[in-house]
Amino acid sequence: MSKVIHTSTAEKLRKCRDHCGLSQLQVATVLGIDRSTYTGYESGRTEPNLTTIVKLADLFDVDVTTLLPKEDSTASLKDSDSKTTVPVYSLSKDEQTLVLSFRLLSNKQKSSVLAKITNMSKTTK
């Protein structure tokens, strides 16, 4: 039996795509995935990873948070900048740990980590 993710995420993807006048095939082509994979995102059968969500937000010209579910947070944490509770969405345990740890850093530490990650990703290409 396939797991159905939070339907509002799927609905948001469809609404954004429709608003942009794109077909599922066009979106899938831009993402470099099969149309059936993207159809799974819109139907709620599968969930896009964070990288895909960022690409979709760029494609649809919306903020990433627009595509994330609000009710499906798996954890929350006070953000070190705003001191407000910020939900952590459907991420793997490793991704959750990274995000939560990152949010605890000072701005200077965050800049340092981002620079290191950017350099690491350049060397793996």
PDB file of N, CA and C in Angstrom:
ATOM      1  N   MET A   1       0.845  -1.185   0.000  1.00  0.00           N
ATOM      2  CA  MET A   1       0.000   0.000   0.000  1.00  0.00           C
ATOM      3  C   MET A   1       0.886   1.244   0.000  1.00  0.00           C
ATOM      4  N   SER A   2       0.633   2.165  -0.894  1.00  0.00           N
ATOM      5  CA  SER A   2       1.467   3.355  -0.991  1.00  0.00           C
ATOM      6  C   SER A   2       1.027   4.407   0.015  1.00  0.00           C
ATOM      7  N   LYS A   3       2.017   5.112   0.542  1.00  0.00           N
ATOM      8  CA  LYS A   3       1.775   6.169   1.526  1.00  0.00           C
ATOM      9  C   LYS A   3       1.346   7.436   0.792  1.00  0.00           C
ATOM     10  N   VAL A   4       0.332   8.094   1.281  1.00  0.00           N
ATOM     11  CA  VAL A   4      -0.116   9.353   0.691  1.00  0.00           C
ATOM     12  C   VAL A   4       0.370  10.480   1.590  1.00  0.00           C
ATOM     13  N   ILE A   5       1.138  11.407   1.026  1.00  0.00           N
ATOM     14  CA  ILE A   5       1.647  12.530   1.811  1.00  0.00           C
ATOM     15  C   ILE A   5       0.552  13.563   1.994  1.00  0.00           C
ATOM     16  N   HIS A   6       0.846  14.567   2.761  1.00  0.00           N
ATOM     17  CA  HIS A   6      -0.096  15.645   3.032  1.00  0.00           C
ATOM     18  C   HIS A   6      -0.617  16.202   1.715  1.00  0.00           C
ATOM     19  N   THR A   7      -1.923  16.122   1.527  1.00  0.00           N
ATOM     20  CA  THR A   7      -2.498  16.493   0.234  1.00  0.00           C
ATOM     21  C   THR A   7      -2.306  17.959  -0.114  1.00  0.00           C
ATOM     22  N   SER A   8      -2.177  18.821   0.884  1.00  0.00           N
ATOM     23  CA  SER A   8      -2.042  20.229   0.522  1.00  0.00           C
ATOM     24  C   SER A   8      -0.733  20.491  -0.224  1.00  0.00           C
ATOM     25  N   THR A   9       0.314  19.714   0.054  1.00  0.00           N
ATOM     26  CA  THR A   9       1.559  19.869  -0.696  1.00  0.00           C
ATOM     27  C   THR A   9       1.317  19.522  -2.156  1.00  0.00           C
ATOM     28  N   ALA A  10       0.643  18.408  -2.376  1.00  0.00           N
ATOM     29  CA  ALA A  10       0.320  17.993  -3.743  1.00  0.00           C
ATOM     30  C   ALA A  10      -0.565  19.038  -4.421  1.00  0.00           C
ATOM     31  N   GLU A  11      -1.546  19.534  -3.702  1.00  0.00           N
ATOM     32  CA  GLU A  11      -2.448  20.553  -4.250  1.00  0.00           C
ATOM     33  C   GLU A  11      -1.696  21.841  -4.574  1.00  0.00           C
ATOM     34  N   LYS A  12      -0.763  22.220  -3.696  1.00  0.00           N
ATOM     35  CA  LYS A  12       0.018  23.426  -3.937  1.00  0.00           C
ATOM     36  C   LYS A  12       0.852  23.293  -5.206  1.00  0.00           C
ATOM     37  N   LEU A  13       1.440  22.120  -5.412  1.00  0.00           N
ATOM     38  CA  LEU A  13       2.229  21.900  -6.618  1.00  0.00           C
ATOM     39  C   LEU A  13       1.368  22.036  -7.867  1.00  0.00           C
ATOM     40  N   ARG A  14       0.184  21.418  -7.833  1.00  0.00           N
ATOM     41  CA  ARG A  14      -0.708  21.489  -8.994  1.00  0.00           C
ATOM     42  C   ARG A  14      -1.151  22.921  -9.253  1.00  0.00           C
ATOM     43  N   LYS A  15      -1.519  23.632  -8.180  1.00  0.00           N
ATOM     44  CA  LYS A  15      -1.980  25.014  -8.349  1.00  0.00           C
ATOM     45  C   LYS A  15      -0.870  25.906  -8.893  1.00  0.00           C
ATOM     46  N   CYS A  16       0.337  25.741  -8.386  1.00  0.00           N
ATOM     47  CA  CYS A  16       1.458  26.545  -8.885  1.00  0.00           C
ATOM     48  C   CYS A  16       1.740  26.240 -10.350  1.00  0.00           C
ATOM     49  N   ARG A  17       1.724  24.950 -10.690  1.00  0.00           N
ATOM     50  CA  ARG A  17       1.984  24.553 -12.077  1.00  0.00           C
ATOM     51  C   ARG A  17       0.910  25.116 -13.001  1.00  0.00           C
ATOM     52  N   ASP A  18      -0.355  24.970 -12.587  1.00  0.00           N
ATOM     53  CA  ASP A  18      -1.458  25.504 -13.400  1.00  0.00           C
ATOM     54  C   ASP A  18      -1.340  27.019 -13.562  1.00  0.00           C
ATOM     55  N   HIS A  19      -0.988  27.696 -12.469  1.00  0.00           N
ATOM     56  CA  HIS A  19      -0.856  29.157 -12.504  1.00  0.00           C
ATOM     57  C   HIS A  19       0.226  29.584 -13.509  1.00  0.00           C
ATOM     58  N   CYS A  20       1.280  28.771 -13.611  1.00  0.00           N
ATOM     59  CA  CYS A  20       2.377  29.077 -14.549  1.00  0.00           C
ATOM     60  C   CYS A  20       2.077  28.614 -15.966  1.00  0.00           C
ATOM     61  N   GLY A  21       0.962  27.911 -16.146  1.00  0.00           N
ATOM     62  CA  GLY A  21       0.588  27.438 -17.476  1.00  0.00           C
ATOM     63  C   GLY A  21       1.484  26.339 -18.004  1.00  0.00           C
ATOM     64  N   LEU A  22       2.018  25.521 -17.117  1.00  0.00           N
ATOM     65  CA  LEU A  22       2.929  24.451 -17.520  1.00  0.00           C
ATOM     66  C   LEU A  22       2.243  23.100 -17.427  1.00  0.00           C
ATOM     67  N   SER A  23       2.684  22.183 -18.260  1.00  0.00           N
ATOM     68  CA  SER A  23       2.195  20.813 -18.174  1.00  0.00           C
ATOM     69  C   SER A  23       3.076  20.035 -17.201  1.00  0.00           C
ATOM     70  N   GLN A  24       2.586  18.896 -16.764  1.00  0.00           N
ATOM     71  CA  GLN A  24       3.394  18.049 -15.896  1.00  0.00           C
ATOM     72  C   GLN A  24       4.676  17.625 -16.614  1.00  0.00           C
ATOM     73  N   LEU A  25       4.576  17.347 -17.897  1.00  0.00           N
ATOM     74  CA  LEU A  25       5.748  16.949 -18.678  1.00  0.00           C
ATOM     75  C   LEU A  25       6.776  18.072 -18.729  1.00  0.00           C
ATOM     76  N   GLN A  26       6.329  19.300 -18.911  1.00  0.00           N
ATOM     77  CA  GLN A  26       7.255  20.434 -18.948  1.00  0.00           C
ATOM     78  C   GLN A  26       7.994  20.586 -17.614  1.00  0.00           C
ATOM     79  N   VAL A  27       7.270  20.475 -16.515  1.00  0.00           N
ATOM     80  CA  VAL A  27       7.894  20.592 -15.192  1.00  0.00           C
ATOM     81  C   VAL A  27       8.885  19.457 -14.989  1.00  0.00           C
ATOM     82  N   ALA A  28       8.468  18.243 -15.325  1.00  0.00           N
ATOM     83  CA  ALA A  28       9.343  17.078 -15.164  1.00  0.00           C
ATOM     84  C   ALA A  28      10.613  17.230 -15.996  1.00  0.00           C
ATOM     85  N   THR A  29      10.485  17.755 -17.203  1.00  0.00           N
ATOM     86  CA  THR A  29      11.644  17.951 -18.074  1.00  0.00           C
ATOM     87  C   THR A  29      12.617  18.946 -17.463  1.00  0.00           C
ATOM     88  N   VAL A  30      12.116  20.039 -16.925  1.00  0.00           N
ATOM     89  CA  VAL A  30      12.973  21.035 -16.279  1.00  0.00           C
ATOM     90  C   VAL A  30      13.693  20.417 -15.080  1.00  0.00           C
ATOM     91  N   LEU A  31      12.985  19.569 -14.336  1.00  0.00           N
ATOM     92  CA  LEU A  31      13.573  18.936 -13.154  1.00  0.00           C
ATOM     93  C   LEU A  31      14.520  17.786 -13.510  1.00  0.00           C
ATOM     94  N   GLY A  32      14.409  17.294 -14.749  1.00  0.00           N
ATOM     95  CA  GLY A  32      15.239  16.161 -15.155  1.00  0.00           C
ATOM     96  C   GLY A  32      14.729  14.840 -14.597  1.00  0.00           C
ATOM     97  N   ILE A  33      13.403  14.731 -14.446  1.00  0.00           N
ATOM     98  CA  ILE A  33      12.799  13.509 -13.921  1.00  0.00           C
ATOM     99  C   ILE A  33      11.724  13.025 -14.891  1.00  0.00           C
ATOM    100  N   ASP A  34      11.248  11.804 -14.696  1.00  0.00           N
ATOM    101  CA  ASP A  34      10.152  11.282 -15.500  1.00  0.00           C
ATOM    102  C   ASP A  34       8.860  12.000 -15.143  1.00  0.00           C
ATOM    103  N   ARG A  35       7.975  12.108 -16.114  1.00  0.00           N
ATOM    104  CA  ARG A  35       6.679  12.730 -15.853  1.00  0.00           C
ATOM    105  C   ARG A  35       5.940  11.961 -14.764  1.00  0.00           C
ATOM    106  N   SER A  36       6.055  10.652 -14.757  1.00  0.00           N
ATOM    107  CA  SER A  36       5.352   9.842 -13.752  1.00  0.00           C
ATOM    108  C   SER A  36       5.837  10.163 -12.336  1.00  0.00           C
ATOM    109  N   THR A  37       7.102  10.523 -12.209  1.00  0.00           N
ATOM    110  CA  THR A  37       7.625  10.906 -10.887  1.00  0.00           C
ATOM    111  C   THR A  37       6.972  12.206 -10.437  1.00  0.00           C
ATOM    112  N   TYR A  38       6.904  13.181 -11.352  1.00  0.00           N
ATOM    113  CA  TYR A  38       6.267  14.444 -10.994  1.00  0.00           C
ATOM    114  C   TYR A  38       4.774  14.237 -10.725  1.00  0.00           C
ATOM    115  N   THR A  39       4.127  13.399 -11.508  1.00  0.00           N
ATOM    116  CA  THR A  39       2.713  13.100 -11.288  1.00  0.00           C
ATOM    117  C   THR A  39       2.509  12.542  -9.886  1.00  0.00           C
ATOM    118  N   GLY A  40       3.467  11.738  -9.420  1.00  0.00           N
ATOM    119  CA  GLY A  40       3.408  11.202  -8.065  1.00  0.00           C
ATOM    120  C   GLY A  40       3.437  12.301  -7.015  1.00  0.00           C
ATOM    121  N   TYR A  41       4.214  13.362  -7.278  1.00  0.00           N
ATOM    122  CA  TYR A  41       4.255  14.497  -6.353  1.00  0.00           C
ATOM    123  C   TYR A  41       2.889  15.167  -6.274  1.00  0.00           C
ATOM    124  N   GLU A  42       2.290  15.394  -7.436  1.00  0.00           N
ATOM    125  CA  GLU A  42       1.001  16.088  -7.468  1.00  0.00           C
ATOM    126  C   GLU A  42      -0.145  15.238  -6.947  1.00  0.00           C
ATOM    127  N   SER A  43      -0.019  13.929  -7.067  1.00  0.00           N
ATOM    128  CA  SER A  43      -1.091  13.058  -6.576  1.00  0.00           C
ATOM    129  C   SER A  43      -0.927  12.739  -5.099  1.00  0.00           C
ATOM    130  N   GLY A  44       0.254  13.030  -4.550  1.00  0.00           N
ATOM    131  CA  GLY A  44       0.496  12.743  -3.147  1.00  0.00           C
ATOM    132  C   GLY A  44       1.025  11.355  -2.884  1.00  0.00           C
ATOM    133  N   ARG A  45       1.324  10.585  -3.947  1.00  0.00           N
ATOM    134  CA  ARG A  45       1.865   9.233  -3.763  1.00  0.00           C
ATOM    135  C   ARG A  45       3.317   9.262  -3.319  1.00  0.00           C
ATOM    136  N   THR A  46       4.061  10.264  -3.786  1.00  0.00           N
ATOM    137  CA  THR A  46       5.465  10.410  -3.403  1.00  0.00           C
ATOM    138  C   THR A  46       5.718  11.858  -3.007  1.00  0.00           C
ATOM    139  N   GLU A  47       6.818  12.067  -2.323  1.00  0.00           N
ATOM    140  CA  GLU A  47       7.142  13.399  -1.828  1.00  0.00           C
ATOM    141  C   GLU A  47       8.472  13.856  -2.412  1.00  0.00           C
ATOM    142  N   PRO A  48       8.516  15.043  -2.967  1.00  0.00           N
ATOM    143  CA  PRO A  48       9.794  15.536  -3.497  1.00  0.00           C
ATOM    144  C   PRO A  48      10.778  15.802  -2.363  1.00  0.00           C
ATOM    145  N   ASN A  49      12.070  15.577  -2.646  1.00  0.00           N
ATOM    146  CA  ASN A  49      13.079  15.891  -1.631  1.00  0.00           C
ATOM    147  C   ASN A  49      13.285  17.403  -1.597  1.00  0.00           C
ATOM    148  N   LEU A  50      14.078  17.844  -0.648  1.00  0.00           N
ATOM    149  CA  LEU A  50      14.256  19.282  -0.448  1.00  0.00           C
ATOM    150  C   LEU A  50      14.875  19.955  -1.666  1.00  0.00           C
ATOM    151  N   THR A  51      15.829  19.314  -2.305  1.00  0.00           N
ATOM    152  CA  THR A  51      16.448  19.876  -3.505  1.00  0.00           C
ATOM    153  C   THR A  51      15.401  20.098  -4.593  1.00  0.00           C
ATOM    154  N   THR A  52      14.518  19.130  -4.755  1.00  0.00           N
ATOM    155  CA  THR A  52      13.463  19.242  -5.760  1.00  0.00           C
ATOM    156  C   THR A  52      12.481  20.347  -5.389  1.00  0.00           C
ATOM    157  N   ILE A  53      12.164  20.464  -4.110  1.00  0.00           N
ATOM    158  CA  ILE A  53      11.258  21.529  -3.671  1.00  0.00           C
ATOM    159  C   ILE A  53      11.859  22.904  -3.978  1.00  0.00           C
ATOM    160  N   VAL A  54      13.156  23.040  -3.752  1.00  0.00           N
ATOM    161  CA  VAL A  54      13.828  24.314  -4.054  1.00  0.00           C
ATOM    162  C   VAL A  54      13.763  24.591  -5.557  1.00  0.00           C
ATOM    163  N   LYS A  55      14.013  23.579  -6.378  1.00  0.00           N
ATOM    164  CA  LYS A  55      13.931  23.753  -7.838  1.00  0.00           C
ATOM    165  C   LYS A  55      12.516  24.129  -8.261  1.00  0.00           C
ATOM    166  N   LEU A  56      11.524  23.476  -7.669  1.00  0.00           N
ATOM    167  CA  LEU A  56      10.131  23.785  -8.002  1.00  0.00           C
ATOM    168  C   LEU A  56       9.776  25.207  -7.594  1.00  0.00           C
ATOM    169  N   ALA A  57      10.224  25.624  -6.432  1.00  0.00           N
ATOM    170  CA  ALA A  57       9.953  26.994  -5.985  1.00  0.00           C
ATOM    171  C   ALA A  57      10.569  27.996  -6.953  1.00  0.00           C
ATOM    172  N   ASP A  58      11.794  27.725  -7.406  1.00  0.00           N
ATOM    173  CA  ASP A  58      12.429  28.609  -8.390  1.00  0.00           C
ATOM    174  C   ASP A  58      11.643  28.629  -9.697  1.00  0.00           C
ATOM    175  N   LEU A  59      11.248  27.444 -10.151  1.00  0.00           N
ATOM    176  CA  LEU A  59      10.503  27.337 -11.404  1.00  0.00           C
ATOM    177  C   LEU A  59       9.171  28.083 -11.323  1.00  0.00           C
ATOM    178  N   PHE A  60       8.462  27.914 -10.209  1.00  0.00           N
ATOM    179  CA  PHE A  60       7.150  28.541 -10.042  1.00  0.00           C
ATOM    180  C   PHE A  60       7.246  29.974  -9.527  1.00  0.00           C
ATOM    181  N   ASP A  61       8.464  30.424  -9.248  1.00  0.00           N
ATOM    182  CA  ASP A  61       8.709  31.769  -8.735  1.00  0.00           C
ATOM    183  C   ASP A  61       7.920  32.043  -7.452  1.00  0.00           C
ATOM    184  N   VAL A  62       8.032  31.087  -6.523  1.00  0.00           N
ATOM    185  CA  VAL A  62       7.398  31.230  -5.213  1.00  0.00           C
ATOM    186  C   VAL A  62       8.445  30.953  -4.144  1.00  0.00           C
ATOM    187  N   ASP A  63       8.159  31.377  -2.930  1.00  0.00           N
ATOM    188  CA  ASP A  63       9.027  31.078  -1.802  1.00  0.00           C
ATOM    189  C   ASP A  63       8.930  29.578  -1.498  1.00  0.00           C
ATOM    190  N   VAL A  64      10.014  28.985  -1.089  1.00  0.00           N
ATOM    191  CA  VAL A  64      10.047  27.553  -0.786  1.00  0.00           C
ATOM    192  C   VAL A  64       8.964  27.186   0.222  1.00  0.00           C
ATOM    193  N   THR A  65       8.747  28.043   1.199  1.00  0.00           N
ATOM    194  CA  THR A  65       7.756  27.734   2.234  1.00  0.00           C
ATOM    195  C   THR A  65       6.341  27.619   1.677  1.00  0.00           C
ATOM    196  N   THR A  66       6.106  28.210   0.519  1.00  0.00           N
ATOM    197  CA  THR A  66       4.800  28.101  -0.125  1.00  0.00           C
ATOM    198  C   THR A  66       4.479  26.648  -0.457  1.00  0.00           C
ATOM    199  N   LEU A  67       5.504  25.877  -0.786  1.00  0.00           N
ATOM    200  CA  LEU A  67       5.296  24.495  -1.203  1.00  0.00           C
ATOM    201  C   LEU A  67       5.357  23.493  -0.050  1.00  0.00           C
ATOM    202  N   LEU A  68       5.768  23.940   1.118  1.00  0.00           N
ATOM    203  CA  LEU A  68       5.900  23.032   2.254  1.00  0.00           C
ATOM    204  C   LEU A  68       4.597  22.929   3.023  1.00  0.00           C
ATOM    205  N   PRO A  69       4.319  21.737   3.558  1.00  0.00           N
ATOM    206  CA  PRO A  69       3.099  21.589   4.357  1.00  0.00           C
ATOM    207  C   PRO A  69       3.251  22.302   5.688  1.00  0.00           C
ATOM    208  N   LYS A  70       2.194  22.898   6.158  1.00  0.00           N
ATOM    209  CA  LYS A  70       2.253  23.603   7.439  1.00  0.00           C
ATOM    210  C   LYS A  70       1.945  22.663   8.601  1.00  0.00           C
ATOM    211  N   GLU A  71       1.062  21.719   8.414  1.00  0.00           N
ATOM    212  CA  GLU A  71       0.635  20.844   9.505  1.00  0.00           C
ATOM    213  C   GLU A  71       1.538  19.636   9.707  1.00  0.00           C
ATOM    214  N   ASP A  72       2.376  19.291   8.725  1.00  0.00           N
ATOM    215  CA  ASP A  72       3.138  18.059   8.792  1.00  0.00           C
ATOM    216  C   ASP A  72       4.531  18.212   9.381  1.00  0.00           C
ATOM    217  N   SER A  73       4.731  19.181  10.249  1.00  0.00           N
ATOM    218  CA  SER A  73       6.060  19.335  10.824  1.00  0.00           C
ATOM    219  C   SER A  73       6.370  18.138  11.699  1.00  0.00           C
ATOM    220  N   THR A  74       7.612  17.686  11.642  1.00  0.00           N
ATOM    221  CA  THR A  74       8.027  16.553  12.454  1.00  0.00           C
ATOM    222  C   THR A  74       8.756  17.016  13.692  1.00  0.00           C
ATOM    223  N   ALA A  75       9.105  18.278  13.762  1.00  0.00           N
ATOM    224  CA  ALA A  75       9.779  18.848  14.926  1.00  0.00           C
ATOM    225  C   ALA A  75       9.690  20.359  14.817  1.00  0.00           C
ATOM    226  N   SER A  76      10.010  21.032  15.890  1.00  0.00           N
ATOM    227  CA  SER A  76      10.098  22.478  15.812  1.00  0.00           C
ATOM    228  C   SER A  76      11.245  22.938  16.683  1.00  0.00           C
ATOM    229  N   LEU A  77      11.725  24.126  16.407  1.00  0.00           N
ATOM    230  CA  LEU A  77      12.876  24.657  17.103  1.00  0.00           C
ATOM    231  C   LEU A  77      12.829  26.162  17.041  1.00  0.00           C
ATOM    232  N   LYS A  78      13.327  26.810  18.046  1.00  0.00           N
ATOM    233  CA  LYS A  78      13.411  28.265  18.000  1.00  0.00           C
ATOM    234  C   LYS A  78      14.591  28.641  17.118  1.00  0.00           C
ATOM    235  N   ASP A  79      14.325  29.435  16.098  1.00  0.00           N
ATOM    236  CA  ASP A  79      15.355  29.904  15.185  1.00  0.00           C
ATOM    237  C   ASP A  79      16.246  30.896  15.921  1.00  0.00           C
ATOM    238  N   SER A  80      17.557  30.783  15.751  1.00  0.00           N
ATOM    239  CA  SER A  80      18.493  31.638  16.490  1.00  0.00           C
ATOM    240  C   SER A  80      18.381  33.107  16.096  1.00  0.00           C
ATOM    241  N   ASP A  81      17.873  33.389  14.883  1.00  0.00           N
ATOM    242  CA  ASP A  81      17.743  34.776  14.440  1.00  0.00           C
ATOM    243  C   ASP A  81      16.453  35.414  14.936  1.00  0.00           C
ATOM    244  N   SER A  82      15.349  34.752  14.700  1.00  0.00           N
ATOM    245  CA  SER A  82      14.060  35.376  14.978  1.00  0.00           C
ATOM    246  C   SER A  82      13.472  34.993  16.322  1.00  0.00           C
ATOM    247  N   LYS A  83      13.998  33.972  16.941  1.00  0.00           N
ATOM    248  CA  LYS A  83      13.498  33.489  18.231  1.00  0.00           C
ATOM    249  C   LYS A  83      12.040  33.044  18.145  1.00  0.00           C
ATOM    250  N   THR A  84      11.615  32.639  16.960  1.00  0.00           N
ATOM    251  CA  THR A  84      10.272  32.107  16.794  1.00  0.00           C
ATOM    252  C   THR A  84      10.361  30.621  16.508  1.00  0.00           C
ATOM    253  N   THR A  85       9.296  29.914  16.781  1.00  0.00           N
ATOM    254  CA  THR A  85       9.290  28.483  16.525  1.00  0.00           C
ATOM    255  C   THR A  85       9.179  28.254  15.025  1.00  0.00           C
ATOM    256  N   VAL A  86      10.081  27.435  14.500  1.00  0.00           N
ATOM    257  CA  VAL A  86      10.141  27.153  13.072  1.00  0.00           C
ATOM    258  C   VAL A  86       9.983  25.651  12.876  1.00  0.00           C
ATOM    259  N   PRO A  87       8.994  25.203  12.099  1.00  0.00           N
ATOM    260  CA  PRO A  87       8.810  23.765  11.913  1.00  0.00           C
ATOM    261  C   PRO A  87       9.877  23.161  10.999  1.00  0.00           C
ATOM    262  N   VAL A  88      10.162  21.904  11.241  1.00  0.00           N
ATOM    263  CA  VAL A  88      11.042  21.134  10.365  1.00  0.00           C
ATOM    264  C   VAL A  88      10.135  20.159   9.631  1.00  0.00           C
ATOM    265  N   TYR A  89      10.130  20.242   8.305  1.00  0.00           N
ATOM    266  CA  TYR A  89       9.197  19.465   7.509  1.00  0.00           C
ATOM    267  C   TYR A  89       9.725  18.072   7.199  1.00  0.00           C
ATOM    268  N   SER A  90       9.017  17.355   6.419  1.00  0.00           N
ATOM    269  CA  SER A  90       9.290  15.959   6.114  1.00  0.00           C
ATOM    270  C   SER A  90      10.690  15.752   5.545  1.00  0.00           C
ATOM    271  N   LEU A  91      11.658  15.653   6.430  1.00  0.00           N
ATOM    272  CA  LEU A  91      13.046  15.414   6.058  1.00  0.00           C
ATOM    273  C   LEU A  91      13.488  14.101   6.669  1.00  0.00           C
ATOM    274  N   SER A  92      14.550  13.519   6.120  1.00  0.00           N
ATOM    275  CA  SER A  92      15.119  12.331   6.743  1.00  0.00           C
ATOM    276  C   SER A  92      15.674  12.723   8.101  1.00  0.00           C
ATOM    277  N   LYS A  93      15.966  11.747   8.932  1.00  0.00           N
ATOM    278  CA  LYS A  93      16.520  12.038  10.262  1.00  0.00           C
ATOM    279  C   LYS A  93      17.831  12.808  10.148  1.00  0.00           C
ATOM    280  N   ASP A  94      18.693  12.427   9.206  1.00  0.00           N
ATOM    281  CA  ASP A  94      19.961  13.131   9.016  1.00  0.00           C
ATOM    282  C   ASP A  94      19.728  14.582   8.605  1.00  0.00           C
ATOM    283  N   GLU A  95      18.782  14.810   7.684  1.00  0.00           N
ATOM    284  CA  GLU A  95      18.472  16.162   7.232  1.00  0.00           C
ATOM    285  C   GLU A  95      17.893  16.990   8.383  1.00  0.00           C
ATOM    286  N   GLN A  96      17.036  16.378   9.189  1.00  0.00           N
ATOM    287  CA  GLN A  96      16.469  17.084  10.333  1.00  0.00           C
ATOM    288  C   GLN A  96      17.574  17.514  11.289  1.00  0.00           C
ATOM    289  N   THR A  97      18.507  16.600  11.556  1.00  0.00           N
ATOM    290  CA  THR A  97      19.614  16.910  12.456  1.00  0.00           C
ATOM    291  C   THR A  97      20.435  18.072  11.919  1.00  0.00           C
ATOM    292  N   LEU A  98      20.716  18.043  10.614  1.00  0.00           N
ATOM    293  CA  LEU A  98      21.488  19.128  10.007  1.00  0.00           C
ATOM    294  C   LEU A  98      20.760  20.466  10.109  1.00  0.00           C
ATOM    295  N   VAL A  99      19.492  20.466   9.775  1.00  0.00           N
ATOM    296  CA  VAL A  99      18.719  21.715   9.797  1.00  0.00           C
ATOM    297  C   VAL A  99      18.610  22.247  11.223  1.00  0.00           C
ATOM    298  N   LEU A 100      18.284  21.371  12.152  1.00  0.00           N
ATOM    299  CA  LEU A 100      18.138  21.812  13.532  1.00  0.00           C
ATOM    300  C   LEU A 100      19.461  22.335  14.088  1.00  0.00           C
ATOM    301  N   SER A 101      20.546  21.644  13.790  1.00  0.00           N
ATOM    302  CA  SER A 101      21.867  22.089  14.246  1.00  0.00           C
ATOM    303  C   SER A 101      22.230  23.425  13.602  1.00  0.00           C
ATOM    304  N   PHE A 102      21.948  23.565  12.312  1.00  0.00           N
ATOM    305  CA  PHE A 102      22.250  24.803  11.592  1.00  0.00           C
ATOM    306  C   PHE A 102      21.513  25.987  12.211  1.00  0.00           C
ATOM    307  N   ARG A 103      20.264  25.771  12.578  1.00  0.00           N
ATOM    308  CA  ARG A 103      19.456  26.857  13.136  1.00  0.00           C
ATOM    309  C   ARG A 103      19.974  27.340  14.483  1.00  0.00           C
ATOM    310  N   LEU A 104      20.744  26.521  15.149  1.00  0.00           N
ATOM    311  CA  LEU A 104      21.294  26.906  16.444  1.00  0.00           C
ATOM    312  C   LEU A 104      22.566  27.742  16.326  1.00  0.00           C
ATOM    313  N   LEU A 105      23.128  27.809  15.139  1.00  0.00           N
ATOM    314  CA  LEU A 105      24.381  28.530  14.925  1.00  0.00           C
ATOM    315  C   LEU A 105      24.164  30.041  14.874  1.00  0.00           C
ATOM    316  N   SER A 106      25.220  30.770  15.165  1.00  0.00           N
ATOM    317  CA  SER A 106      25.195  32.224  14.992  1.00  0.00           C
ATOM    318  C   SER A 106      25.247  32.525  13.494  1.00  0.00           C
ATOM    319  N   ASN A 107      24.980  33.746  13.109  1.00  0.00           N
ATOM    320  CA  ASN A 107      25.054  34.124  11.692  1.00  0.00           C
ATOM    321  C   ASN A 107      26.453  33.893  11.127  1.00  0.00           C
ATOM    322  N   LYS A 108      27.470  34.202  11.913  1.00  0.00           N
ATOM    323  CA  LYS A 108      28.846  34.005  11.470  1.00  0.00           C
ATOM    324  C   LYS A 108      29.130  32.518  11.235  1.00  0.00           C
ATOM    325  N   GLN A 109      28.667  31.674  12.153  1.00  0.00           N
ATOM    326  CA  GLN A 109      28.860  30.236  12.001  1.00  0.00           C
ATOM    327  C   GLN A 109      28.091  29.704  10.795  1.00  0.00           C
ATOM    328  N   LYS A 110      26.879  30.221  10.582  1.00  0.00           N
ATOM    329  CA  LYS A 110      26.080  29.792   9.433  1.00  0.00           C
ATOM    330  C   LYS A 110      26.814  30.124   8.126  1.00  0.00           C
ATOM    331  N   SER A 111      27.370  31.321   8.045  1.00  0.00           N
ATOM    332  CA  SER A 111      28.115  31.722   6.845  1.00  0.00           C
ATOM    333  C   SER A 111      29.290  30.790   6.601  1.00  0.00           C
ATOM    334  N   SER A 112      29.981  30.437   7.668  1.00  0.00           N
ATOM    335  CA  SER A 112      31.131  29.546   7.556  1.00  0.00           C
ATOM    336  C   SER A 112      30.710  28.158   7.066  1.00  0.00           C
ATOM    337  N   VAL A 113      29.642  27.637   7.623  1.00  0.00           N
ATOM    338  CA  VAL A 113      29.144  26.315   7.217  1.00  0.00           C
ATOM    339  C   VAL A 113      28.703  26.342   5.758  1.00  0.00           C
ATOM    340  N   LEU A 114      27.975  27.377   5.367  1.00  0.00           N
ATOM    341  CA  LEU A 114      27.517  27.472   3.979  1.00  0.00           C
ATOM    342  C   LEU A 114      28.687  27.548   3.005  1.00  0.00           C
ATOM    343  N   ALA A 115      29.729  28.290   3.361  1.00  0.00           N
ATOM    344  CA  ALA A 115      30.919  28.388   2.511  1.00  0.00           C
ATOM    345  C   ALA A 115      31.580  27.022   2.373  1.00  0.00           C
ATOM    346  N   LYS A 116      31.676  26.282   3.464  1.00  0.00           N
ATOM    347  CA  LYS A 116      32.283  24.950   3.427  1.00  0.00           C
ATOM    348  C   LYS A 116      31.462  23.992   2.575  1.00  0.00           C
ATOM    349  N   ILE A 117      30.155  24.027   2.733  1.00  0.00           N
ATOM    350  CA  ILE A 117      29.287  23.148   1.940  1.00  0.00           C
ATOM    351  C   ILE A 117      29.381  23.490   0.465  1.00  0.00           C
ATOM    352  N   THR A 118      29.404  24.770   0.153  1.00  0.00           N
ATOM    353  CA  THR A 118      29.524  25.199  -1.239  1.00  0.00           C
ATOM    354  C   THR A 118      30.827  24.685  -1.838  1.00  0.00           C
ATOM    355  N   ASN A 119      31.928  24.821  -1.109  1.00  0.00           N
ATOM    356  CA  ASN A 119      33.218  24.322  -1.587  1.00  0.00           C
ATOM    357  C   ASN A 119      33.196  22.812  -1.743  1.00  0.00           C
ATOM    358  N   MET A 120      32.589  22.108  -0.795  1.00  0.00           N
ATOM    359  CA  MET A 120      32.510  20.650  -0.873  1.00  0.00           C
ATOM    360  C   MET A 120      31.706  20.212  -2.095  1.00  0.00           C
ATOM    361  N   SER A 121      30.600  20.890  -2.363  1.00  0.00           N
ATOM    362  CA  SER A 121      29.756  20.497  -3.491  1.00  0.00           C
ATOM    363  C   SER A 121      30.435  20.779  -4.825  1.00  0.00           C
ATOM    364  N   LYS A 122      31.298  21.789  -4.863  1.00  0.00           N
ATOM    365  CA  LYS A 122      32.045  22.082  -6.093  1.00  0.00           C
ATOM    366  C   LYS A 122      33.063  21.003  -6.382  1.00  0.00           C
ATOM    367  N   THR A 123      33.658  20.436  -5.352  1.00  0.00           N
ATOM    368  CA  THR A 123      34.689  19.419  -5.552  1.00  0.00           C
ATOM    369  C   THR A 123      34.113  18.044  -5.861  1.00  0.00           C
ATOM    370  N   THR A 124      32.807  17.836  -5.614  1.00  0.00           N
ATOM    371  CA  THR A 124      32.208  16.541  -5.889  1.00  0.00           C
ATOM    372  C   THR A 124      31.588  16.464  -7.274  1.00  0.00           C
ATOM    373  N   LYS A 125      31.604  17.557  -8.004  1.00  0.00           N
ATOM    374  CA  LYS A 125      30.984  17.570  -9.348  1.00  0.00           C
ATOM    375  C   LYS A 125      31.937  17.061 -10.383  1.00  0.00           C
TER     376      LYS A 125
END
